[in-house]
N, C-alpha and C. Protein backbone atom coordinates (compact mmCIF):
# COMPACT_ATOMS: atom_id res chain seq x y z
N MET A 1 10.36 29.84 -11.72
CA MET A 1 9.56 28.68 -12.07
C MET A 1 10.01 27.49 -11.24
N ALA A 2 9.04 26.72 -10.75
CA ALA A 2 9.36 25.56 -9.90
C ALA A 2 9.82 24.39 -10.75
N GLN A 3 10.81 23.69 -10.24
CA GLN A 3 11.37 22.54 -10.92
C GLN A 3 10.59 21.30 -10.51
N THR A 4 10.45 20.32 -11.40
CA THR A 4 9.77 19.10 -11.09
C THR A 4 10.63 18.25 -10.16
N LEU A 5 10.01 17.64 -9.17
CA LEU A 5 10.75 16.83 -8.20
C LEU A 5 10.67 15.36 -8.58
N HIS A 6 11.59 14.58 -8.01
CA HIS A 6 11.59 13.13 -8.22
C HIS A 6 10.54 12.44 -7.40
N VAL A 7 9.91 13.17 -6.48
CA VAL A 7 8.91 12.62 -5.58
C VAL A 7 7.55 13.17 -5.98
N HIS A 8 6.55 12.28 -6.07
CA HIS A 8 5.19 12.69 -6.37
C HIS A 8 4.27 12.34 -5.22
N LYS A 9 3.07 12.92 -5.22
CA LYS A 9 2.09 12.62 -4.20
C LYS A 9 1.72 11.13 -4.24
N ASN A 10 1.49 10.53 -3.09
CA ASN A 10 1.16 9.11 -2.90
C ASN A 10 2.30 8.16 -3.13
N ASP A 11 3.52 8.65 -3.36
CA ASP A 11 4.70 7.79 -3.43
C ASP A 11 5.05 7.31 -2.02
N THR A 12 5.58 6.08 -1.94
CA THR A 12 6.17 5.63 -0.67
C THR A 12 7.63 6.00 -0.70
N VAL A 13 8.07 6.66 0.36
CA VAL A 13 9.46 7.15 0.40
C VAL A 13 10.09 6.75 1.72
N ILE A 14 11.42 6.77 1.74
CA ILE A 14 12.19 6.54 2.96
C ILE A 14 13.08 7.77 3.18
N VAL A 15 13.17 8.23 4.42
CA VAL A 15 13.97 9.40 4.75
C VAL A 15 15.42 8.98 4.91
N THR A 16 16.34 9.68 4.24
CA THR A 16 17.76 9.31 4.25
C THR A 16 18.61 10.16 5.17
N ALA A 17 18.12 11.34 5.58
CA ALA A 17 18.93 12.24 6.40
C ALA A 17 18.06 12.98 7.38
N GLY A 18 18.69 13.45 8.46
CA GLY A 18 18.00 14.24 9.47
C GLY A 18 17.53 13.41 10.65
N ASN A 19 16.71 14.02 11.50
CA ASN A 19 16.21 13.35 12.69
C ASN A 19 15.33 12.15 12.37
N ALA A 20 14.65 12.19 11.24
CA ALA A 20 13.71 11.14 10.85
C ALA A 20 14.34 10.10 9.94
N ALA A 21 15.67 10.02 9.87
CA ALA A 21 16.35 9.09 8.95
C ALA A 21 15.93 7.66 9.24
N GLY A 22 15.62 6.94 8.17
CA GLY A 22 15.21 5.54 8.27
C GLY A 22 13.71 5.34 8.32
N LYS A 23 12.95 6.39 8.57
CA LYS A 23 11.49 6.24 8.62
C LYS A 23 10.92 6.19 7.22
N GLN A 24 9.83 5.48 7.07
CA GLN A 24 9.19 5.28 5.78
C GLN A 24 7.74 5.74 5.88
N GLY A 25 7.22 6.30 4.79
CA GLY A 25 5.84 6.76 4.80
C GLY A 25 5.40 7.18 3.42
N LYS A 26 4.11 7.57 3.33
CA LYS A 26 3.49 7.98 2.08
C LYS A 26 3.54 9.50 1.97
N VAL A 27 3.82 10.02 0.78
CA VAL A 27 3.88 11.45 0.57
C VAL A 27 2.44 11.99 0.53
N LEU A 28 2.16 12.95 1.41
CA LEU A 28 0.82 13.54 1.47
C LEU A 28 0.72 14.79 0.62
N LYS A 29 1.79 15.58 0.60
CA LYS A 29 1.77 16.85 -0.13
C LYS A 29 3.16 17.17 -0.63
N VAL A 30 3.23 17.81 -1.80
CA VAL A 30 4.53 18.20 -2.40
C VAL A 30 4.50 19.70 -2.65
N PHE A 31 5.60 20.36 -2.26
CA PHE A 31 5.77 21.79 -2.49
C PHE A 31 6.97 21.98 -3.43
N PRO A 32 6.75 21.94 -4.77
CA PRO A 32 7.87 22.01 -5.71
C PRO A 32 8.66 23.32 -5.63
N GLU A 33 7.96 24.44 -5.36
CA GLU A 33 8.67 25.72 -5.32
C GLU A 33 9.62 25.81 -4.13
N ALA A 34 9.29 25.15 -3.04
CA ALA A 34 10.17 25.14 -1.85
C ALA A 34 11.03 23.87 -1.81
N LYS A 35 10.82 22.96 -2.72
CA LYS A 35 11.53 21.67 -2.79
C LYS A 35 11.37 20.90 -1.48
N GLN A 36 10.13 20.84 -0.99
CA GLN A 36 9.82 20.15 0.27
C GLN A 36 8.63 19.21 0.07
N VAL A 37 8.56 18.21 0.94
CA VAL A 37 7.44 17.26 0.93
C VAL A 37 6.95 17.04 2.36
N ILE A 38 5.68 16.67 2.48
CA ILE A 38 5.12 16.26 3.77
C ILE A 38 4.85 14.78 3.69
N ILE A 39 5.38 14.03 4.67
CA ILE A 39 5.27 12.57 4.68
C ILE A 39 4.44 12.15 5.88
N GLU A 40 3.58 11.15 5.65
CA GLU A 40 2.67 10.66 6.69
C GLU A 40 3.44 10.09 7.89
N ASN A 41 3.12 10.58 9.08
CA ASN A 41 3.71 10.15 10.35
C ASN A 41 5.22 10.31 10.44
N VAL A 42 5.78 11.27 9.74
CA VAL A 42 7.21 11.58 9.80
C VAL A 42 7.36 13.06 10.07
N ASN A 43 8.36 13.42 10.91
CA ASN A 43 8.64 14.80 11.29
C ASN A 43 7.41 15.46 11.94
N ILE A 44 6.90 14.82 12.99
CA ILE A 44 5.74 15.31 13.70
C ILE A 44 6.13 16.55 14.52
N ILE A 45 5.37 17.63 14.33
CA ILE A 45 5.61 18.85 15.07
C ILE A 45 4.37 19.17 15.90
N LYS A 46 4.56 19.91 17.00
CA LYS A 46 3.46 20.29 17.86
C LYS A 46 3.18 21.76 17.66
N ARG A 47 1.89 22.09 17.48
CA ARG A 47 1.48 23.45 17.26
C ARG A 47 0.47 23.83 18.33
N HIS A 48 0.74 24.92 19.03
CA HIS A 48 -0.18 25.39 20.08
C HIS A 48 -1.22 26.28 19.42
N THR A 49 -2.49 25.91 19.52
CA THR A 49 -3.55 26.63 18.83
C THR A 49 -4.50 27.25 19.86
N ARG A 50 -5.00 28.43 19.50
CA ARG A 50 -6.00 29.10 20.33
C ARG A 50 -7.37 28.49 20.03
N PRO A 51 -8.30 28.57 20.95
CA PRO A 51 -9.66 28.11 20.66
C PRO A 51 -10.26 28.95 19.55
N SER A 52 -10.94 28.29 18.62
CA SER A 52 -11.61 28.97 17.51
C SER A 52 -12.91 28.23 17.23
N GLN A 53 -13.68 28.70 16.23
CA GLN A 53 -14.92 27.99 15.89
C GLN A 53 -14.61 26.62 15.32
N LYS A 54 -13.54 26.53 14.56
CA LYS A 54 -13.17 25.24 13.97
C LYS A 54 -12.64 24.28 15.04
N ASN A 55 -11.86 24.81 15.98
CA ASN A 55 -11.30 24.00 17.05
C ASN A 55 -11.64 24.69 18.39
N PRO A 56 -12.88 24.44 18.93
CA PRO A 56 -13.30 25.18 20.13
C PRO A 56 -12.48 24.84 21.38
N GLN A 57 -11.87 23.68 21.42
CA GLN A 57 -11.08 23.28 22.59
C GLN A 57 -9.73 23.98 22.63
N GLY A 58 -9.11 24.19 21.46
CA GLY A 58 -7.76 24.73 21.43
C GLY A 58 -6.78 23.67 21.87
N GLY A 59 -5.60 24.07 22.32
CA GLY A 59 -4.63 23.13 22.85
C GLY A 59 -3.49 22.85 21.90
N ILE A 60 -2.83 21.71 22.12
CA ILE A 60 -1.66 21.33 21.34
C ILE A 60 -2.08 20.35 20.25
N VAL A 61 -1.81 20.71 19.00
CA VAL A 61 -2.15 19.90 17.84
C VAL A 61 -0.86 19.33 17.25
N GLN A 62 -0.85 18.02 16.99
CA GLN A 62 0.31 17.39 16.35
C GLN A 62 0.03 17.22 14.87
N LYS A 63 1.00 17.59 14.03
CA LYS A 63 0.84 17.40 12.59
C LYS A 63 2.21 17.19 11.97
N GLU A 64 2.21 16.76 10.71
CA GLU A 64 3.47 16.49 9.99
C GLU A 64 4.06 17.81 9.50
N GLY A 65 5.38 17.91 9.63
CA GLY A 65 6.10 19.07 9.12
C GLY A 65 6.79 18.75 7.83
N PRO A 66 7.18 19.75 7.04
CA PRO A 66 7.84 19.51 5.76
C PRO A 66 9.28 19.03 5.91
N ILE A 67 9.74 18.26 4.91
CA ILE A 67 11.10 17.76 4.84
C ILE A 67 11.65 18.12 3.45
N ARG A 68 12.93 18.43 3.36
CA ARG A 68 13.53 18.69 2.05
C ARG A 68 13.41 17.45 1.16
N ALA A 69 13.05 17.64 -0.08
CA ALA A 69 12.88 16.51 -1.00
C ALA A 69 14.20 15.81 -1.28
N SER A 70 15.32 16.51 -1.13
CA SER A 70 16.62 15.88 -1.38
C SER A 70 16.97 14.87 -0.28
N ASN A 71 16.25 14.90 0.85
CA ASN A 71 16.51 13.98 1.95
C ASN A 71 15.63 12.75 1.94
N VAL A 72 14.91 12.52 0.85
CA VAL A 72 14.07 11.32 0.75
C VAL A 72 14.37 10.56 -0.54
N MET A 73 14.17 9.25 -0.51
CA MET A 73 14.33 8.41 -1.71
C MET A 73 13.02 7.66 -1.93
N VAL A 74 12.65 7.53 -3.19
CA VAL A 74 11.44 6.80 -3.53
C VAL A 74 11.67 5.30 -3.35
N VAL A 75 10.69 4.60 -2.78
CA VAL A 75 10.77 3.16 -2.64
C VAL A 75 10.07 2.55 -3.86
N CYS A 76 10.80 1.69 -4.59
CA CYS A 76 10.27 1.07 -5.80
C CYS A 76 9.09 0.16 -5.46
N PRO A 77 7.96 0.27 -6.18
CA PRO A 77 6.82 -0.60 -5.88
C PRO A 77 7.07 -2.07 -6.19
N LYS A 78 8.02 -2.36 -7.10
CA LYS A 78 8.27 -3.75 -7.46
C LYS A 78 9.31 -4.41 -6.56
N CYS A 79 10.48 -3.79 -6.44
CA CYS A 79 11.56 -4.44 -5.67
C CYS A 79 11.59 -3.99 -4.20
N SER A 80 10.74 -3.02 -3.80
CA SER A 80 10.60 -2.56 -2.42
C SER A 80 11.91 -2.05 -1.82
N LYS A 81 12.78 -1.52 -2.65
CA LYS A 81 14.04 -0.94 -2.16
C LYS A 81 14.08 0.55 -2.46
N PRO A 82 14.73 1.33 -1.61
CA PRO A 82 14.90 2.76 -1.94
C PRO A 82 15.79 2.89 -3.18
N THR A 83 15.37 3.74 -4.08
CA THR A 83 16.07 3.82 -5.37
C THR A 83 16.13 5.24 -5.88
N ARG A 84 17.12 5.50 -6.73
CA ARG A 84 17.13 6.74 -7.48
C ARG A 84 16.12 6.57 -8.62
N VAL A 85 15.63 7.68 -9.15
CA VAL A 85 14.59 7.66 -10.15
C VAL A 85 15.15 8.19 -11.47
N GLY A 86 14.98 7.40 -12.54
CA GLY A 86 15.32 7.86 -13.87
C GLY A 86 14.07 8.14 -14.66
N HIS A 87 14.21 8.66 -15.86
CA HIS A 87 13.07 8.98 -16.70
C HIS A 87 13.26 8.38 -18.08
N THR A 88 12.16 7.95 -18.67
CA THR A 88 12.20 7.44 -20.04
C THR A 88 10.93 7.93 -20.76
N HIS A 89 11.02 7.99 -22.08
CA HIS A 89 9.87 8.43 -22.88
C HIS A 89 9.20 7.21 -23.49
N VAL A 90 7.89 7.14 -23.31
CA VAL A 90 7.09 6.00 -23.82
C VAL A 90 5.98 6.60 -24.67
N SER A 91 5.78 6.04 -25.87
CA SER A 91 4.71 6.52 -26.73
C SER A 91 3.40 5.87 -26.30
N ASP A 92 2.36 6.68 -26.15
CA ASP A 92 1.04 6.21 -25.75
C ASP A 92 0.35 5.56 -26.95
N ALA A 93 -0.18 4.35 -26.78
CA ALA A 93 -0.75 3.60 -27.90
C ALA A 93 -2.06 4.24 -28.40
N THR A 94 -2.84 4.81 -27.52
CA THR A 94 -4.14 5.35 -27.95
C THR A 94 -4.02 6.71 -28.64
N SER A 95 -3.21 7.62 -28.10
CA SER A 95 -3.15 8.96 -28.66
C SER A 95 -1.90 9.18 -29.52
N GLY A 96 -0.90 8.33 -29.39
CA GLY A 96 0.32 8.48 -30.16
C GLY A 96 1.28 9.49 -29.58
N LYS A 97 0.93 10.13 -28.47
CA LYS A 97 1.81 11.13 -27.83
C LYS A 97 2.83 10.42 -26.94
N LYS A 98 3.97 11.08 -26.75
CA LYS A 98 5.00 10.53 -25.88
C LYS A 98 4.75 11.00 -24.44
N ARG A 99 4.90 10.06 -23.50
CA ARG A 99 4.77 10.35 -22.08
C ARG A 99 6.08 10.09 -21.39
N THR A 100 6.38 10.84 -20.37
CA THR A 100 7.58 10.62 -19.57
C THR A 100 7.20 9.75 -18.40
N MET A 101 7.86 8.61 -18.27
CA MET A 101 7.61 7.69 -17.16
C MET A 101 8.84 7.64 -16.28
N ARG A 102 8.63 7.42 -14.98
CA ARG A 102 9.73 7.27 -14.05
C ARG A 102 10.18 5.81 -14.05
N VAL A 103 11.48 5.59 -13.85
CA VAL A 103 12.06 4.26 -13.93
C VAL A 103 12.92 4.03 -12.69
N CYS A 104 12.80 2.83 -12.09
CA CYS A 104 13.65 2.42 -10.98
C CYS A 104 15.04 2.12 -11.53
N LYS A 105 16.08 2.71 -10.91
CA LYS A 105 17.46 2.49 -11.40
C LYS A 105 17.98 1.12 -11.03
N GLN A 106 17.32 0.41 -10.09
CA GLN A 106 17.81 -0.91 -9.67
C GLN A 106 17.19 -2.03 -10.47
N CYS A 107 15.84 -1.98 -10.68
CA CYS A 107 15.19 -3.13 -11.36
C CYS A 107 14.60 -2.72 -12.70
N SER A 108 14.76 -1.49 -13.12
CA SER A 108 14.29 -0.99 -14.43
C SER A 108 12.77 -1.06 -14.59
N GLU A 109 12.04 -1.08 -13.49
CA GLU A 109 10.57 -1.10 -13.54
C GLU A 109 10.06 0.32 -13.72
N MET A 110 9.08 0.48 -14.65
CA MET A 110 8.47 1.81 -14.87
C MET A 110 7.32 1.98 -13.87
N PHE A 111 7.23 3.22 -13.34
CA PHE A 111 6.09 3.55 -12.46
C PHE A 111 5.73 5.01 -12.61
């Protein structure tokens, strides 16, 4: 069973390790079973493709490659700093059910 990651789709993250260290971007896709994420304009790889109906020209295509989720930190939307993510339980006013919200460890803002 795949474990939940601290990174979600559409989060702004900063890369902390590897060749792309220091780069910032938006998470496009999350692979929880492999513990990897794809980040916009980070870890660009080149793929040589044959001509096909979808791509009649063929040639070299550049796209984003996956990065380990442990090598990225979420950027807090309020304080704009890379932060560790905590969790808290908040009761929903309309349904009365408890929801798990993520919390910035630096400014205690829920997101």
